[in-house]
Amino acid sequence: MYYFYIIGKTISLFLPRKLAYLLAGCLATCQYYFSKKDRDIVINNLYPIIEDKKKREDCARKVFINFAYYLVDFFRYSKLNKRFVEKYVRISGLEFLDEAARAKKGIIAVTAHLGNYELAGAVTSLAGYKVNAVALSHKDKRINDFFNKQREMVGVSVIPASIAIKRCFSILRNGQLVAFLGDRVFSGSGVAANMFSRQAILPRGPAFFSVKTQASILPAFFIRENKNFYHLIFEKPINTKEPQTEGDIVKEYSLVLEKYIKMYPDQWYLFQPYWISGN
């Protein structure tokens, strides 16, 4: 896989962006048709969201294609700059981020495997905000280093999930931002939440740190509006002023996750079974 990423980055940087998208889209379409296991998992994950079988299968195919575009964007970080952001990215809700920053209690940004979550951190960093992202480490050190170097290239500091607790406390107490993927547990414990009349296990990290530090939880999403343009959205912070349990907080941001996944199911990139078995 390491060499796949190296080749992908080389091609993505060599070709114009539109051509890189075209090639990536063709390869992703082949992957959709030839990888039955991955295709079936994505279709099953979409089952509670899209009732019609044909529409669900078409959406699953688009998931593969949009994920390929996401990778092209990630590989092209060395070309990312403020001029690109001004031309291609629309930003909404920045006042919510500024308000949370002024409180100086730290900011917990919660997003999903939706749109281009990596680019969300990069663009926020280029906008002048210090971004720290909790990320699951890859087993292959070469791949892990590759991903971290790409993120650091655009000013995003990586916090390995294995040592996140101490680092996150320190960062939040300094009033900085920590970004979490809030829709999937890959390690550690989670909290059951209802989404689309099903149950899923969501990570407890954002709620845990919010309860302990009173840091604001700010839902944020980076959506591809079409092939070439994007929309970075900061939602209104979740109320953490009143005493709340971790479960209460997870329930609140799960509703926001559900809202955005429902609007953009073809940009929801989860290639592992999502729903709790038996629901």
Protein backbone atom coordinates (compact mmCIF):
# COMPACT_ATOMS: atom_id res chain seq x y z
CA MET A 1 0.00 0.00 0.00
CA TYR A 2 2.86 2.37 0.71
CA TYR A 3 3.96 2.37 -2.92
CA PHE A 4 0.33 2.87 -4.01
CA TYR A 5 0.31 6.14 -2.07
CA ILE A 6 3.68 7.22 -3.49
CA ILE A 7 2.55 6.49 -7.06
CA GLY A 8 -0.81 8.17 -6.41
CA LYS A 9 0.88 11.30 -5.10
CA THR A 10 3.33 11.43 -8.03
CA ILE A 11 0.55 11.12 -10.62
CA SER A 12 -1.74 13.57 -8.80
CA LEU A 13 0.98 16.21 -8.72
CA PHE A 14 2.09 15.61 -12.32
CA LEU A 15 -1.37 15.81 -13.90
CA PRO A 16 -3.67 18.86 -13.85
CA ARG A 17 -6.31 18.48 -11.14
CA LYS A 18 -9.18 17.76 -13.56
CA LEU A 19 -7.19 15.06 -15.32
CA ALA A 20 -6.13 13.53 -12.01
CA TYR A 21 -9.81 13.41 -11.01
CA LEU A 22 -10.72 11.75 -14.30
CA LEU A 23 -8.13 9.01 -13.85
CA ALA A 24 -9.00 8.53 -10.17
CA GLY A 25 -12.70 8.32 -11.01
CA CYS A 26 -12.09 5.61 -13.62
CA LEU A 27 -10.00 3.55 -11.20
CA ALA A 28 -12.61 3.99 -8.46
CA THR A 29 -15.39 2.81 -10.78
CA CYS A 30 -13.37 -0.32 -11.54
CA GLN A 31 -12.86 -0.86 -7.82
CA TYR A 32 -16.60 -0.58 -7.26
CA TYR A 33 -17.45 -3.24 -9.84
CA PHE A 34 -14.58 -5.63 -9.14
CA SER A 35 -14.44 -5.51 -5.32
CA LYS A 36 -17.70 -7.17 -4.27
CA LYS A 37 -16.77 -7.14 -0.58
CA ASP A 38 -16.19 -3.38 -0.42
CA ARG A 39 -19.21 -2.67 -2.64
CA ASP A 40 -21.54 -4.75 -0.47
CA ILE A 41 -20.31 -3.10 2.74
CA VAL A 42 -20.91 0.41 1.40
CA ILE A 43 -24.35 -0.53 0.06
CA ASN A 44 -25.31 -2.07 3.40
CA ASN A 45 -24.12 1.03 5.27
CA LEU A 46 -26.39 3.14 3.05
CA TYR A 47 -29.40 0.85 3.51
CA PRO A 48 -31.08 2.85 6.34
CA ILE A 49 -30.49 6.12 4.47
CA ILE A 50 -31.68 5.30 0.94
CA GLU A 51 -34.70 3.04 0.52
CA ASP A 52 -34.64 2.53 -3.24
CA LYS A 53 -32.23 -0.27 -4.21
CA LYS A 54 -31.14 1.25 -7.52
CA LYS A 55 -30.56 4.69 -5.99
CA ARG A 56 -28.64 3.07 -3.13
CA GLU A 57 -26.34 1.20 -5.52
CA ASP A 58 -25.78 4.35 -7.61
CA CYS A 59 -24.95 6.28 -4.45
CA ALA A 60 -22.48 3.58 -3.39
CA ARG A 61 -20.71 3.87 -6.75
CA LYS A 62 -20.43 7.63 -6.22
CA VAL A 63 -18.96 7.00 -2.75
CA PHE A 64 -16.05 5.18 -4.39
CA ILE A 65 -15.56 7.98 -6.93
CA ASN A 66 -15.76 10.80 -4.39
CA PHE A 67 -13.32 8.98 -2.13
CA ALA A 68 -10.89 8.81 -5.05
CA TYR A 69 -11.26 12.58 -5.50
CA TYR A 70 -10.59 12.98 -1.76
CA LEU A 71 -7.30 11.09 -2.17
CA VAL A 72 -6.26 13.27 -5.12
CA ASP A 73 -6.85 16.38 -2.99
CA PHE A 74 -4.80 14.88 -0.17
CA PHE A 75 -1.93 13.98 -2.50
CA ARG A 76 -1.87 17.54 -3.91
CA TYR A 77 -1.26 19.29 -0.58
CA SER A 78 2.01 20.81 -1.82
CA LYS A 79 -0.09 22.85 -4.28
CA LEU A 80 -2.57 24.00 -1.63
CA ASN A 81 -2.34 27.69 -0.72
CA LYS A 82 -4.53 30.65 0.23
CA ARG A 83 -5.14 31.51 -3.41
CA PHE A 84 -6.60 28.04 -4.02
CA VAL A 85 -8.81 28.42 -0.94
CA GLU A 86 -10.09 31.83 -2.04
CA LYS A 87 -10.94 30.49 -5.51
CA TYR A 88 -12.46 27.11 -4.70
CA VAL A 89 -13.66 27.11 -1.07
CA ARG A 90 -16.76 28.75 0.37
CA ILE A 91 -16.73 29.06 4.17
CA SER A 92 -19.83 29.37 6.38
CA GLY A 93 -20.20 29.75 10.13
CA LEU A 94 -16.73 31.12 10.79
CA GLU A 95 -18.29 33.31 13.47
CA PHE A 96 -19.00 30.16 15.51
CA LEU A 97 -15.33 29.22 15.40
CA ASP A 98 -14.28 32.74 16.38
CA GLU A 99 -16.78 32.81 19.24
CA ALA A 100 -15.48 29.51 20.60
CA ALA A 101 -11.89 30.73 20.26
CA ARG A 102 -12.64 33.89 22.26
CA ALA A 103 -13.93 31.78 25.15
CA LYS A 104 -10.36 30.41 25.56
CA LYS A 105 -11.60 27.07 26.89
CA GLY A 106 -10.47 25.10 23.89
CA ILE A 107 -12.41 23.91 20.85
CA ILE A 108 -13.38 20.34 20.00
CA ALA A 109 -14.16 20.15 16.29
CA VAL A 110 -16.25 17.08 15.45
CA THR A 111 -16.62 15.95 11.86
CA ALA A 112 -17.29 12.72 9.96
CA HIS A 113 -15.75 10.63 7.19
CA LEU A 114 -17.65 12.95 4.90
CA GLY A 115 -16.64 15.14 1.96
CA ASN A 116 -12.98 15.90 2.54
CA TYR A 117 -12.37 15.90 6.29
CA GLU A 118 -8.58 16.11 5.79
CA LEU A 119 -8.94 19.23 3.66
CA ALA A 120 -11.14 20.76 6.37
CA GLY A 121 -8.16 20.85 8.72
CA ALA A 122 -5.84 22.12 6.01
CA VAL A 123 -8.13 25.00 5.01
CA THR A 124 -8.84 25.94 8.63
CA SER A 125 -5.08 26.02 9.25
CA LEU A 126 -4.49 28.20 6.18
CA ALA A 127 -7.21 30.53 7.49
CA GLY A 128 -4.99 31.21 10.50
CA TYR A 129 -6.25 28.79 13.14
CA LYS A 130 -4.00 26.29 14.89
CA VAL A 131 -5.37 22.81 14.12
CA ASN A 132 -4.51 19.62 16.01
CA ALA A 133 -6.07 16.43 14.69
CA VAL A 134 -6.45 13.11 16.49
CA ALA A 135 -5.60 10.36 14.00
CA LEU A 136 -5.39 6.60 14.14
CA SER A 137 -1.85 5.44 13.38
CA HIS A 138 -1.26 3.12 10.44
CA LYS A 139 0.41 -0.20 11.15
CA ASP A 140 2.99 0.42 8.42
CA LYS A 141 5.32 3.15 9.75
CA ARG A 142 6.10 4.30 6.20
CA ILE A 143 2.41 4.95 5.49
CA ASN A 144 1.97 6.62 8.87
CA ASP A 145 4.90 8.95 8.20
CA PHE A 146 3.57 9.69 4.69
CA PHE A 147 0.16 10.75 6.00
CA ASN A 148 1.59 12.80 8.85
CA LYS A 149 4.02 14.63 6.57
CA GLN A 150 1.17 15.53 4.23
CA ARG A 151 -0.84 16.92 7.16
CA GLU A 152 2.11 18.82 8.62
CA MET A 153 2.76 20.32 5.20
CA VAL A 154 -0.47 22.35 5.58
CA GLY A 155 0.03 23.18 9.26
CA VAL A 156 -2.03 20.41 10.85
CA SER A 157 -0.41 18.86 13.92
CA VAL A 158 -1.14 15.16 14.33
CA ILE A 159 -2.01 13.60 17.69
CA PRO A 160 -1.70 9.79 17.58
CA ALA A 161 -4.85 8.22 19.03
CA SER A 162 -2.70 6.00 21.25
CA ILE A 163 -1.37 8.99 23.23
CA ALA A 164 -4.25 11.41 22.71
CA ILE A 165 -5.49 11.85 26.28
CA LYS A 166 -2.58 13.78 27.79
CA ARG A 167 -1.91 15.80 24.61
CA CYS A 168 -5.55 16.75 24.16
CA PHE A 169 -5.88 18.00 27.74
CA SER A 170 -2.81 20.18 27.29
CA ILE A 171 -3.96 21.59 23.94
CA LEU A 172 -7.50 22.35 25.12
CA ARG A 173 -6.28 24.02 28.30
CA ASN A 174 -4.21 26.30 26.06
CA GLY A 175 -7.40 27.29 24.24
CA GLN A 176 -6.51 25.54 20.99
CA LEU A 177 -8.54 23.38 18.61
CA VAL A 178 -8.57 19.58 18.54
CA ALA A 179 -10.33 17.83 15.65
CA PHE A 180 -11.99 14.43 15.96
CA LEU A 181 -13.76 12.12 13.53
CA GLY A 182 -16.99 11.56 15.40
CA ASP A 183 -18.82 8.96 13.34
CA ARG A 184 -16.72 5.85 13.78
CA VAL A 185 -14.86 4.06 16.60
CA PHE A 186 -11.60 2.51 15.41
CA SER A 187 -9.97 2.08 18.80
CA GLY A 188 -10.91 2.53 22.42
CA SER A 189 -14.42 2.67 23.82
CA GLY A 190 -17.54 4.15 22.31
CA VAL A 191 -21.11 5.17 23.06
CA ALA A 192 -24.19 3.68 21.37
CA ALA A 193 -26.27 6.27 19.52
CA ASN A 194 -29.38 6.14 17.34
CA MET A 195 -28.98 7.28 13.75
CA PHE A 196 -31.45 6.64 10.93
CA SER A 197 -33.48 4.41 13.29
CA ARG A 198 -30.44 2.18 13.71
CA GLN A 199 -27.75 1.99 16.36
CA ALA A 200 -24.10 2.79 15.81
CA ILE A 201 -21.14 3.08 18.15
CA LEU A 202 -19.69 6.59 18.20
CA PRO A 203 -16.40 7.58 19.81
CA ARG A 204 -16.65 9.00 23.31
CA GLY A 205 -13.50 11.12 22.99
CA PRO A 206 -15.13 14.47 22.07
CA ALA A 207 -17.74 14.16 24.83
CA PHE A 208 -15.15 12.96 27.38
CA PHE A 209 -12.87 15.95 26.81
CA SER A 210 -15.77 18.41 26.75
CA VAL A 211 -17.08 17.18 30.11
CA LYS A 212 -13.60 17.36 31.65
CA THR A 213 -12.56 20.75 30.23
CA GLN A 214 -15.83 22.55 29.33
CA ALA A 215 -14.40 23.05 25.83
CA SER A 216 -16.93 23.89 23.12
CA ILE A 217 -17.94 21.13 20.71
CA LEU A 218 -18.11 22.58 17.22
CA PRO A 219 -19.48 20.36 14.43
CA ALA A 220 -17.67 21.05 11.17
CA PHE A 221 -17.96 19.58 7.67
CA PHE A 222 -16.09 20.03 4.40
CA ILE A 223 -18.40 19.19 1.51
CA ARG A 224 -17.61 18.84 -2.17
CA GLU A 225 -20.22 20.99 -3.91
CA ASN A 226 -19.26 19.64 -7.31
CA LYS A 227 -16.10 18.14 -8.69
CA ASN A 228 -14.05 21.32 -8.32
CA PHE A 229 -15.58 23.45 -5.54
CA TYR A 230 -16.02 22.98 -1.80
CA HIS A 231 -17.99 24.28 1.18
CA LEU A 232 -16.48 24.38 4.67
CA ILE A 233 -19.28 24.60 7.23
CA PHE A 234 -18.98 25.34 10.95
CA GLU A 235 -22.22 24.56 12.77
CA LYS A 236 -23.48 26.24 15.92
CA PRO A 237 -21.60 24.85 18.95
CA ILE A 238 -23.32 22.13 20.95
CA ASN A 239 -24.45 23.40 24.34
CA THR A 240 -21.90 22.34 26.95
CA LYS A 241 -22.57 25.15 29.45
CA GLU A 242 -25.17 23.11 31.33
CA PRO A 243 -23.94 19.95 33.11
CA GLN A 244 -24.29 17.06 30.66
CA THR A 245 -23.20 13.46 30.56
CA GLU A 246 -21.03 12.04 27.81
CA GLY A 247 -24.08 10.20 26.51
CA ASP A 248 -26.09 13.44 26.29
CA ILE A 249 -23.37 15.16 24.30
CA VAL A 250 -22.89 12.21 21.93
CA LYS A 251 -26.65 12.17 21.34
CA GLU A 252 -26.61 15.87 20.43
CA TYR A 253 -23.78 15.70 17.92
CA SER A 254 -25.07 12.42 16.46
CA LEU A 255 -28.12 14.38 15.30
CA VAL A 256 -25.84 16.79 13.44
CA LEU A 257 -23.89 13.90 11.92
CA GLU A 258 -27.14 12.29 10.81
CA LYS A 259 -28.27 15.54 9.19
CA TYR A 260 -25.15 15.89 7.05
CA ILE A 261 -24.83 12.21 6.17
CA LYS A 262 -28.45 12.30 4.99
CA MET A 263 -27.74 15.34 2.79
CA TYR A 264 -24.50 13.92 1.34
CA PRO A 265 -24.63 10.11 1.50
CA ASP A 266 -22.50 9.82 -1.65
CA GLN A 267 -19.66 11.54 0.23
CA TRP A 268 -19.74 9.31 3.32
CA TYR A 269 -16.60 7.16 3.20
CA LEU A 270 -16.92 4.14 5.44
CA PHE A 271 -15.70 0.86 4.03
CA GLN A 272 -16.27 -1.18 7.19
CA PRO A 273 -19.67 -2.42 8.46
CA TYR A 274 -21.21 0.46 10.40
CA TRP A 275 -24.47 -0.49 12.04
CA ILE A 276 -24.67 -2.65 15.16
CA SER A 277 -25.60 -6.17 14.13
CA GLY A 278 -29.21 -7.09 14.72
CA ASN A 279 -30.68 -3.60 14.21
